[in-house]
Amino acid sequence: MKTGSICGIKLPSGLKESDKLPEPIFTPSTKAEEGHDQNISFEKVKNIIGTGVAHKIKETCIQVYSHAQKLASEKGIIIADTKMEFGLIDDELILIDELLTPDSSRFWPADNYKPGGSQPSYDKQFLRDYLISIKWDNNTPAPMLPQDIIMKTSEKYLEALRLFTRLE
């Protein structure tokens, strides 16, 4: 069991890997000079972009996630997390990138959900796991992918599409 915090948010004690949180949380990040995005606290977000815009982004993210998770649960899918990116044009908040796709979210089948470990998924985690297994250092150029890895990743994305849209 773990306890701790993420982005300055204290997590409930006794959490196991993949446990559901009592309510959605906002975990902001910013672009790093190199490598992956860097998690930051909400206080830092407010310092960077201002309190009003920071609160609007937080509220928007939680509303979008909550609505999407409700719809997904009706399709037998858990949206464990998702990434949203925003920008400003003439002081108006805009969404600037994809969201709620297998590239920006973790989709888990609800019927196989078992807290306490990693979950089967319909997202890019399969590809990430492969890249970890070959010890890729996350620097470009990316390695050539074997055909079976490409096909399996594609199958996971198509399964997410099928489940969300109920296409056969």
Protein backbone atom coordinates (compact mmCIF):
# COMPACT_ATOMS: atom_id res chain seq x y z
CA MET A 1 0.00 0.00 0.00
CA LYS A 2 1.17 3.46 -0.88
CA THR A 3 0.44 6.90 0.38
CA GLY A 4 1.84 10.13 -0.88
CA SER A 5 1.03 12.99 -3.15
CA ILE A 6 1.03 13.99 -6.78
CA CYS A 7 1.27 17.56 -8.05
CA GLY A 8 0.99 18.75 -4.44
CA ILE A 9 -2.28 16.83 -3.88
CA LYS A 10 -2.25 14.54 -0.84
CA LEU A 11 -3.57 11.13 -1.83
CA PRO A 12 -5.67 8.95 0.49
CA SER A 13 -3.64 6.53 2.57
CA GLY A 14 -3.62 2.85 1.71
CA LEU A 15 -3.92 3.21 -2.06
CA LYS A 16 -2.89 0.26 -4.19
CA GLU A 17 -1.77 0.51 -7.82
CA SER A 18 -4.77 1.27 -10.07
CA ASP A 19 -7.12 2.06 -7.16
CA LYS A 20 -9.94 4.45 -7.97
CA LEU A 21 -9.64 7.83 -6.26
CA PRO A 22 -12.63 9.16 -4.31
CA GLU A 23 -13.00 11.97 -6.86
CA PRO A 24 -11.19 13.17 -10.00
CA ILE A 25 -8.06 15.22 -9.39
CA PHE A 26 -6.31 17.82 -11.51
CA THR A 27 -2.63 16.99 -12.04
CA PRO A 28 -1.05 19.78 -14.08
CA SER A 29 2.22 19.51 -15.92
CA THR A 30 4.38 21.71 -18.06
CA LYS A 31 6.68 21.06 -20.98
CA ALA A 32 10.21 20.17 -19.95
CA GLU A 33 13.29 21.34 -21.81
CA GLU A 34 14.07 17.67 -22.49
CA GLY A 35 12.23 14.41 -21.95
CA HIS A 36 8.73 14.07 -20.61
CA ASP A 37 6.36 16.69 -19.24
CA GLN A 38 7.05 17.76 -15.67
CA ASN A 39 4.33 17.55 -13.02
CA ILE A 40 3.79 20.80 -11.15
CA SER A 41 1.54 21.95 -8.31
CA PHE A 42 -1.64 23.94 -8.84
CA GLU A 43 0.04 26.80 -6.94
CA LYS A 44 2.80 26.86 -9.56
CA VAL A 45 0.18 26.88 -12.35
CA LYS A 46 -1.46 29.92 -10.75
CA ASN A 47 1.93 31.64 -10.53
CA ILE A 48 2.65 30.95 -14.21
CA ILE A 49 -0.71 31.78 -15.85
CA GLY A 50 -2.72 33.59 -13.20
CA THR A 51 -5.31 32.44 -10.70
CA GLY A 52 -8.39 33.00 -12.86
CA VAL A 53 -7.15 31.09 -15.90
CA ALA A 54 -5.70 28.35 -13.69
CA HIS A 55 -9.07 27.79 -11.99
CA LYS A 56 -10.90 27.80 -15.33
CA ILE A 57 -8.54 25.13 -16.71
CA LYS A 58 -8.87 23.01 -13.58
CA GLU A 59 -12.68 23.23 -13.59
CA THR A 60 -12.84 22.49 -17.34
CA CYS A 61 -10.57 19.47 -17.02
CA ILE A 62 -12.54 17.95 -14.17
CA GLN A 63 -15.88 18.61 -15.92
CA VAL A 64 -14.70 17.10 -19.23
CA TYR A 65 -13.15 14.08 -17.52
CA SER A 66 -16.19 13.46 -15.30
CA HIS A 67 -18.59 13.67 -18.25
CA ALA A 68 -16.41 11.43 -20.44
CA GLN A 69 -15.96 8.88 -17.64
CA LYS A 70 -19.73 8.72 -17.14
CA LEU A 71 -20.25 8.02 -20.84
CA ALA A 72 -17.37 5.54 -20.97
CA SER A 73 -18.65 3.62 -17.96
CA GLU A 74 -21.90 3.02 -19.86
CA LYS A 75 -19.73 1.31 -22.52
CA GLY A 76 -17.82 -0.80 -19.99
CA ILE A 77 -14.67 1.35 -20.06
CA ILE A 78 -12.80 3.04 -17.23
CA ILE A 79 -10.92 6.20 -18.17
CA ALA A 80 -8.12 6.01 -15.64
CA ASP A 81 -6.66 9.33 -16.71
CA THR A 82 -6.46 11.67 -19.66
CA LYS A 83 -4.31 14.55 -20.81
CA MET A 84 -5.70 17.88 -21.94
CA GLU A 85 -3.68 20.75 -23.37
CA PHE A 86 -4.85 24.35 -23.42
CA GLY A 87 -3.69 27.65 -24.82
CA LEU A 88 -4.90 31.22 -25.03
CA ILE A 89 -5.89 33.23 -28.08
CA ASP A 90 -6.74 36.84 -27.32
CA ASP A 91 -7.19 35.88 -23.64
CA GLU A 92 -9.72 33.18 -24.57
CA LEU A 93 -9.02 29.67 -23.30
CA ILE A 94 -8.87 27.09 -26.09
CA LEU A 95 -8.22 23.37 -26.28
CA ILE A 96 -5.08 22.91 -28.38
CA ASP A 97 -4.59 19.17 -28.77
CA GLU A 98 -6.38 15.86 -28.90
CA LEU A 99 -8.05 14.47 -25.82
CA LEU A 100 -9.80 11.28 -24.83
CA THR A 101 -7.96 9.15 -27.37
CA PRO A 102 -5.79 6.06 -26.81
CA ASP A 103 -2.77 8.34 -27.25
CA SER A 104 -3.83 10.78 -24.53
CA SER A 105 -5.71 8.56 -22.06
CA ARG A 106 -5.62 5.25 -20.26
CA PHE A 107 -8.67 3.14 -21.11
CA TRP A 108 -9.27 0.01 -19.04
CA PRO A 109 -11.95 -2.65 -19.55
CA ALA A 110 -14.29 -2.39 -16.55
CA ASP A 111 -15.08 -6.10 -16.56
CA ASN A 112 -11.40 -6.99 -15.96
CA TYR A 113 -10.63 -4.24 -13.43
CA LYS A 114 -8.68 -5.51 -10.42
CA PRO A 115 -6.92 -2.90 -8.26
CA GLY A 116 -3.50 -3.83 -6.98
CA GLY A 117 -1.55 -4.05 -10.23
CA SER A 118 -1.40 -2.91 -13.83
CA GLN A 119 -4.57 -3.21 -15.87
CA PRO A 120 -5.28 -4.53 -19.35
CA SER A 121 -5.85 -1.51 -21.56
CA TYR A 122 -6.99 -0.14 -24.91
CA ASP A 123 -4.30 2.51 -25.19
CA LYS A 124 -0.62 3.12 -25.86
CA GLN A 125 0.55 1.41 -22.66
CA PHE A 126 1.20 -1.77 -24.68
CA LEU A 127 3.60 0.17 -26.91
CA ARG A 128 5.21 1.90 -23.91
CA ASP A 129 5.77 -1.51 -22.28
CA TYR A 130 7.42 -2.77 -25.46
CA LEU A 131 9.75 0.24 -25.63
CA ILE A 132 10.68 -0.27 -21.97
CA SER A 133 11.36 -3.96 -22.64
CA ILE A 134 13.90 -3.09 -25.35
CA LYS A 135 15.41 -0.39 -23.11
CA TRP A 136 14.80 2.49 -25.53
CA ASP A 137 16.22 5.68 -24.00
CA ASN A 138 13.36 7.94 -25.23
CA ASN A 139 15.66 9.84 -27.56
CA THR A 140 15.04 10.28 -31.25
CA PRO A 141 15.10 8.61 -33.56
CA ALA A 142 12.64 6.08 -32.19
CA PRO A 143 13.41 2.46 -32.95
CA MET A 144 11.73 0.67 -35.83
CA LEU A 145 8.78 -1.28 -34.48
CA PRO A 146 8.21 -4.94 -35.33
CA GLN A 147 5.07 -5.60 -37.36
CA ASP A 148 3.44 -7.59 -34.54
CA ILE A 149 3.82 -4.64 -32.12
CA ILE A 150 2.30 -2.28 -34.71
CA MET A 151 -0.60 -4.66 -35.31
CA LYS A 152 -1.29 -5.29 -31.61
CA THR A 153 -1.24 -1.54 -30.86
CA SER A 154 -3.60 -0.94 -33.78
CA GLU A 155 -5.92 -3.70 -32.52
CA LYS A 156 -6.09 -2.05 -29.08
CA TYR A 157 -6.95 1.34 -30.59
CA LEU A 158 -9.60 -0.21 -32.83
CA GLU A 159 -11.08 -2.09 -29.87
CA ALA A 160 -11.40 1.22 -27.99
CA LEU A 161 -13.14 2.73 -31.02
CA ARG A 162 -15.47 -0.26 -31.32
CA LEU A 163 -16.40 -0.15 -27.64
CA PHE A 164 -16.96 3.60 -27.55
CA THR A 165 -19.01 3.65 -30.74
CA ARG A 166 -20.42 0.12 -30.54
CA LEU A 167 -19.30 -0.50 -34.12
CA GLU A 168 -18.95 -4.14 -35.14
